[in-house]
Amino acid sequence: MQTSRYRLSNFILEIFAILLAVVFLSPFYLVLSNSVKRLKEILIDAASFPQMFHWDNYSKVWDAINFPQAFWNSLQITVLSVIFIVMFSSMAAYQIVRKPSRFNSFVFLLLVSAMIIPFQSLMLQLVRVTSMLELRGELYGIVACYLGFGMPLSVFLFHGFIKSVPIELEEAARVDGSSPYGVFFKIVFPLLMPIIVTVIILNTLWIWNDYLLPVLVIGGNKDLTTLPVAVTKFFGQYTKKWDLALAGLVMAITPILLFFLSLQRYIVEGVTAGSIKG
């Protein structure tokens, strides 16, 4: 009797899991199927399977948004921002953990508190400050903004993980004559690799897919247009080219989707390791 109940409960859970998977995967089907349809076919029945695959939608998008340039802009902004976030956040968290003081505790509390501030409440001030400092429309301007907005969560993650690093290793390195920077980069930093990968993945997904911050900071500088901003070209005030927009969306999310699928296991490993060891 217990075996039958156990099997029945498992069967119900499996059915529920399958239905949940269908719900979560249905948007991918809609995007992929409609990206190879004509606009008329999409408007008639968006959920139907394509009667004919119009792969030329992708070639039209490639030329319309100058995909190589937009891809390169997204890539360099993402890579530079993530590198700076990892470096500055790890060093800041290390200083806060290893040099406890009221000031460091206040800085950490300030960074953690920043995570709960809605971005929308900072938009007007952000535009004013970036304009005053001549950061708008510049590569270093958007990278600096991503560094500022990305550090709070990253410092929080590094802070929990650094507590698990044995301080005896650092003391031994100092006895051997290693400098403070040598201790951090040669001893501590390599041990942070699980949480470093987690920070890289989380910030890469956010920066690559972000639309609002590039619009505010980059503005009308077409030489720095990112993929999410470029795809909006197909949405006008009176017309919406869904066939090209969805093809552009597939082209934009494919690189980051492959990146995420190849490294997704490190997200749980890094966060779990930091929370348990901390």
Protein backbone atom coordinates (compact mmCIF):
# COMPACT_ATOMS: atom_id res chain seq x y z
CA MET A 1 0.00 0.00 0.00
CA GLN A 2 2.79 2.39 0.89
CA THR A 3 4.57 1.53 -2.35
CA SER A 4 1.47 2.28 -4.41
CA ARG A 5 0.95 5.58 -2.62
CA TYR A 6 4.59 6.45 -3.09
CA ARG A 7 4.40 5.70 -6.80
CA LEU A 8 1.16 7.63 -7.16
CA SER A 9 2.65 10.69 -5.45
CA ASN A 10 5.71 10.47 -7.69
CA PHE A 11 3.51 10.19 -10.76
CA ILE A 12 1.54 13.30 -9.76
CA LEU A 13 4.75 15.23 -9.12
CA GLU A 14 6.16 14.18 -12.50
CA ILE A 15 2.99 15.29 -14.30
CA PHE A 16 3.12 18.61 -12.47
CA ALA A 17 6.81 19.03 -13.38
CA ILE A 18 6.07 18.30 -17.04
CA LEU A 19 3.23 20.83 -17.12
CA LEU A 20 5.43 23.41 -15.42
CA ALA A 21 8.20 22.77 -17.95
CA VAL A 22 5.73 23.24 -20.83
CA VAL A 23 4.61 26.56 -19.35
CA PHE A 24 8.18 27.83 -19.02
CA LEU A 25 9.27 26.56 -22.46
CA SER A 26 6.23 27.89 -24.35
CA PRO A 27 7.72 31.41 -24.74
CA PHE A 28 10.78 29.89 -26.42
CA TYR A 29 8.53 28.06 -28.86
CA LEU A 30 6.60 31.24 -29.67
CA VAL A 31 9.78 33.24 -30.25
CA LEU A 32 11.49 30.58 -32.37
CA SER A 33 8.45 29.66 -34.46
CA ASN A 34 7.38 33.25 -35.13
CA SER A 35 10.92 34.31 -36.03
CA VAL A 36 10.63 32.34 -39.30
CA LYS A 37 7.11 33.50 -40.21
CA ARG A 38 5.86 36.44 -42.24
CA LEU A 39 4.18 39.24 -40.33
CA LYS A 40 0.76 38.39 -41.77
CA GLU A 41 1.02 34.79 -40.57
CA ILE A 42 2.01 35.95 -37.07
CA LEU A 43 -0.97 38.29 -36.83
CA ILE A 44 -3.37 35.56 -37.96
CA ASP A 45 -2.17 32.84 -35.57
CA ALA A 46 0.98 33.37 -33.51
CA ALA A 47 0.73 29.95 -31.84
CA SER A 48 0.59 27.89 -35.04
CA PHE A 49 3.56 26.01 -36.47
CA PRO A 50 5.16 27.84 -39.44
CA GLN A 51 3.69 26.83 -42.81
CA MET A 52 6.98 27.81 -44.43
CA PHE A 53 10.33 28.69 -42.86
CA HIS A 54 11.39 32.18 -43.93
CA TRP A 55 15.05 32.17 -42.93
CA ASP A 56 15.57 35.43 -44.80
CA ASN A 57 14.15 37.20 -41.72
CA TYR A 58 17.53 36.67 -40.10
CA SER A 59 19.48 38.09 -43.02
CA LYS A 60 17.22 41.15 -43.07
CA VAL A 61 17.81 41.71 -39.36
CA TRP A 62 21.56 41.24 -39.83
CA ASP A 63 21.65 44.18 -42.24
CA ALA A 64 18.94 46.31 -40.61
CA ILE A 65 20.56 46.57 -37.17
CA ASN A 66 24.17 46.11 -38.32
CA PHE A 67 24.37 42.99 -36.17
CA PRO A 68 28.20 42.62 -36.11
CA GLN A 69 28.60 46.16 -34.73
CA ALA A 70 25.80 45.78 -32.19
CA PHE A 71 27.17 42.41 -31.11
CA TRP A 72 30.65 43.85 -30.65
CA ASN A 73 29.27 46.76 -28.62
CA SER A 74 27.37 44.41 -26.31
CA LEU A 75 30.39 42.16 -26.00
CA GLN A 76 32.93 44.83 -25.10
CA ILE A 77 30.58 46.59 -22.66
CA THR A 78 29.74 43.29 -20.96
CA VAL A 79 33.32 42.01 -20.77
CA LEU A 80 34.82 45.27 -19.50
CA SER A 81 32.05 45.81 -16.96
CA VAL A 82 32.26 42.27 -15.60
CA ILE A 83 36.06 42.43 -15.29
CA PHE A 84 35.90 45.65 -13.28
CA ILE A 85 33.02 44.37 -11.13
CA VAL A 86 34.90 41.17 -10.25
CA MET A 87 38.17 42.94 -9.46
CA PHE A 88 36.82 45.85 -7.40
CA SER A 89 34.11 43.80 -5.64
CA SER A 90 36.48 41.03 -4.58
CA MET A 91 39.06 43.51 -3.25
CA ALA A 92 36.41 45.52 -1.42
CA ALA A 93 34.89 42.42 0.17
CA TYR A 94 38.35 41.18 1.19
CA GLN A 95 39.14 44.49 2.88
CA ILE A 96 35.79 44.50 4.70
CA VAL A 97 36.19 40.92 5.97
CA ARG A 98 39.88 41.01 6.92
CA LYS A 99 39.94 44.57 8.32
CA PRO A 100 36.85 44.77 10.54
CA SER A 101 36.07 48.31 11.69
CA ARG A 102 33.09 50.57 12.11
CA PHE A 103 33.85 52.29 8.82
CA ASN A 104 34.09 49.00 6.89
CA SER A 105 30.90 47.75 8.53
CA PHE A 106 29.16 50.98 7.51
CA VAL A 107 30.40 50.63 3.92
CA PHE A 108 29.15 47.04 3.76
CA LEU A 109 25.78 48.06 5.19
CA LEU A 110 25.61 50.87 2.63
CA LEU A 111 26.32 48.49 -0.23
CA VAL A 112 23.77 45.93 0.95
CA SER A 113 21.17 48.68 1.41
CA ALA A 114 21.78 49.84 -2.16
CA MET A 115 20.41 46.52 -3.44
CA ILE A 116 16.88 47.39 -2.32
CA ILE A 117 16.77 50.82 -4.02
CA PRO A 118 14.62 50.66 -7.21
CA PHE A 119 16.57 51.68 -10.29
CA GLN A 120 13.63 53.75 -11.53
CA SER A 121 14.02 56.10 -8.57
CA LEU A 122 17.58 56.91 -9.68
CA MET A 123 16.98 57.47 -13.39
CA LEU A 124 16.66 61.26 -13.38
CA GLN A 125 19.62 61.71 -11.06
CA LEU A 126 21.67 59.29 -13.15
CA VAL A 127 21.05 61.26 -16.32
CA ARG A 128 22.01 64.52 -14.59
CA VAL A 129 25.19 63.15 -13.04
CA THR A 130 26.38 61.38 -16.19
CA SER A 131 25.74 64.54 -18.23
CA MET A 132 27.58 66.71 -15.68
CA LEU A 133 30.59 64.35 -15.66
CA GLU A 134 30.50 63.98 -19.46
CA LEU A 135 29.94 60.24 -19.25
CA ARG A 136 26.96 60.08 -21.59
CA GLY A 137 27.58 58.57 -24.99
CA GLU A 138 30.95 57.16 -23.94
CA LEU A 139 32.13 53.59 -23.46
CA TYR A 140 33.79 54.36 -20.13
CA GLY A 141 30.58 56.04 -18.99
CA ILE A 142 28.36 52.99 -19.40
CA VAL A 143 31.07 50.72 -17.92
CA ALA A 144 31.36 53.02 -14.87
CA CYS A 145 27.59 52.89 -14.37
CA TYR A 146 27.50 49.10 -14.56
CA LEU A 147 30.37 48.98 -12.06
CA GLY A 148 28.42 51.13 -9.62
CA PHE A 149 25.16 49.23 -9.95
CA GLY A 150 26.82 45.78 -10.04
CA MET A 151 29.07 46.10 -7.00
CA PRO A 152 26.49 45.82 -4.16
CA LEU A 153 25.34 42.28 -4.97
CA SER A 154 28.85 41.19 -5.98
CA VAL A 155 30.42 42.48 -2.76
CA PHE A 156 27.69 40.71 -0.78
CA LEU A 157 28.46 37.39 -2.50
CA PHE A 158 32.23 37.76 -2.14
CA HIS A 159 31.83 38.81 1.50
CA GLY A 160 30.15 35.54 2.43
CA PHE A 161 32.67 33.40 0.53
CA ILE A 162 35.86 35.10 1.75
CA LYS A 163 34.95 34.16 5.33
CA SER A 164 35.55 30.53 4.35
CA VAL A 165 39.15 31.18 3.24
CA PRO A 166 41.54 30.06 6.04
CA ILE A 167 43.41 33.08 7.32
CA GLU A 168 46.39 30.81 8.14
CA LEU A 169 47.21 30.66 4.42
CA GLU A 170 47.50 34.44 4.29
CA GLU A 171 49.61 34.56 7.45
CA ALA A 172 52.00 31.98 6.02
CA ALA A 173 52.33 34.01 2.82
CA ARG A 174 53.12 37.16 4.82
CA VAL A 175 55.80 35.28 6.77
CA ASP A 176 57.36 34.30 3.44
CA GLY A 177 57.58 38.00 2.58
CA SER A 178 54.58 38.37 0.30
CA SER A 179 53.12 41.86 -0.10
CA PRO A 180 49.41 42.57 0.69
CA TYR A 181 48.62 42.55 -3.03
CA GLY A 182 50.61 39.34 -3.45
CA VAL A 183 48.64 37.69 -0.66
CA PHE A 184 45.36 38.64 -2.26
CA PHE A 185 46.11 37.87 -5.91
CA LYS A 186 48.33 34.80 -5.38
CA ILE A 187 46.63 33.18 -2.37
CA VAL A 188 43.08 34.46 -1.88
CA PHE A 189 41.90 35.27 -5.40
CA PRO A 190 42.47 31.74 -6.85
CA LEU A 191 40.48 30.28 -3.93
CA LEU A 192 37.52 32.51 -4.84
CA MET A 193 37.05 30.88 -8.24
CA PRO A 194 33.63 29.26 -7.49
CA ILE A 195 32.08 32.56 -6.42
CA ILE A 196 33.95 34.46 -9.15
CA VAL A 197 32.28 32.29 -11.78
CA THR A 198 28.91 32.90 -10.12
CA VAL A 199 29.44 36.67 -10.11
CA ILE A 200 30.56 36.57 -13.74
CA ILE A 201 27.46 34.64 -14.84
CA LEU A 202 24.95 36.77 -12.92
CA ASN A 203 26.41 40.07 -14.10
CA THR A 204 26.90 38.88 -17.68
CA LEU A 205 23.24 37.87 -17.96
CA TRP A 206 22.15 41.21 -16.52
CA ILE A 207 24.43 43.47 -18.57
CA TRP A 208 23.99 41.62 -21.88
CA ASN A 209 20.18 41.75 -21.68
CA ASP A 210 19.91 45.23 -20.16
CA TYR A 211 17.99 47.84 -22.15
CA LEU A 212 17.24 50.77 -19.86
CA LEU A 213 20.74 51.75 -18.72
CA PRO A 214 22.23 51.83 -22.26
CA VAL A 215 19.32 53.97 -23.42
CA LEU A 216 19.90 56.45 -20.59
CA VAL A 217 23.70 56.59 -20.70
CA ILE A 218 24.62 55.85 -24.31
CA GLY A 219 21.74 57.91 -25.67
CA GLY A 220 21.92 58.64 -29.37
CA ASN A 221 25.47 57.41 -29.92
CA LYS A 222 24.80 54.82 -32.64
CA ASP A 223 28.41 53.64 -32.54
CA LEU A 224 27.73 52.10 -29.10
CA THR A 225 24.23 50.72 -29.70
CA THR A 226 23.82 47.36 -27.95
CA LEU A 227 21.75 44.42 -29.17
CA PRO A 228 18.70 44.98 -26.91
CA VAL A 229 18.56 48.61 -28.01
CA ALA A 230 19.11 47.76 -31.69
CA VAL A 231 16.21 45.27 -31.73
CA THR A 232 13.78 48.01 -30.66
CA LYS A 233 14.29 49.53 -34.10
CA PHE A 234 11.51 47.24 -35.34
CA PHE A 235 8.95 48.76 -32.97
CA GLY A 236 7.62 52.08 -34.25
CA GLN A 237 4.86 54.33 -33.02
CA TYR A 238 2.35 52.96 -35.52
CA THR A 239 3.91 49.76 -36.85
CA LYS A 240 5.55 46.75 -35.24
CA LYS A 241 7.58 44.36 -37.38
CA TRP A 242 7.15 41.28 -35.22
CA ASP A 243 8.72 38.93 -37.75
CA LEU A 244 12.02 40.84 -37.80
CA ALA A 245 11.90 41.75 -34.11
CA LEU A 246 11.58 38.12 -33.04
CA ALA A 247 14.34 37.05 -35.40
CA GLY A 248 16.51 39.77 -33.91
CA LEU A 249 15.59 38.59 -30.43
CA VAL A 250 16.71 35.04 -31.25
CA MET A 251 20.00 36.36 -32.60
CA ALA A 252 20.51 38.48 -29.48
CA ILE A 253 19.76 35.81 -26.87
CA THR A 254 21.53 32.87 -28.53
CA PRO A 255 25.10 33.79 -27.43
CA ILE A 256 24.12 34.53 -23.85
CA LEU A 257 21.88 31.45 -23.69
CA LEU A 258 24.77 29.21 -24.75
CA PHE A 259 26.99 30.95 -22.21
CA PHE A 260 24.46 30.38 -19.44
CA LEU A 261 23.79 26.72 -20.28
CA SER A 262 27.50 25.93 -20.30
CA LEU A 263 28.11 27.48 -16.86
CA GLN A 264 24.77 27.32 -15.05
CA ARG A 265 25.87 24.67 -12.53
CA TYR A 266 28.43 27.09 -11.10
CA ILE A 267 25.68 29.51 -10.00
CA VAL A 268 24.21 27.11 -7.43
CA GLU A 269 27.62 25.77 -6.43
CA GLY A 270 29.10 29.23 -5.84
CA VAL A 271 26.15 30.67 -3.92
CA THR A 272 25.70 27.50 -1.84
CA ALA A 273 29.39 27.29 -1.01
CA GLY A 274 29.46 30.92 0.07
CA SER A 275 26.38 30.59 2.27
CA ILE A 276 27.42 27.34 3.94
CA LYS A 277 31.07 28.17 4.53
CA GLY A 278 30.32 31.77 5.55
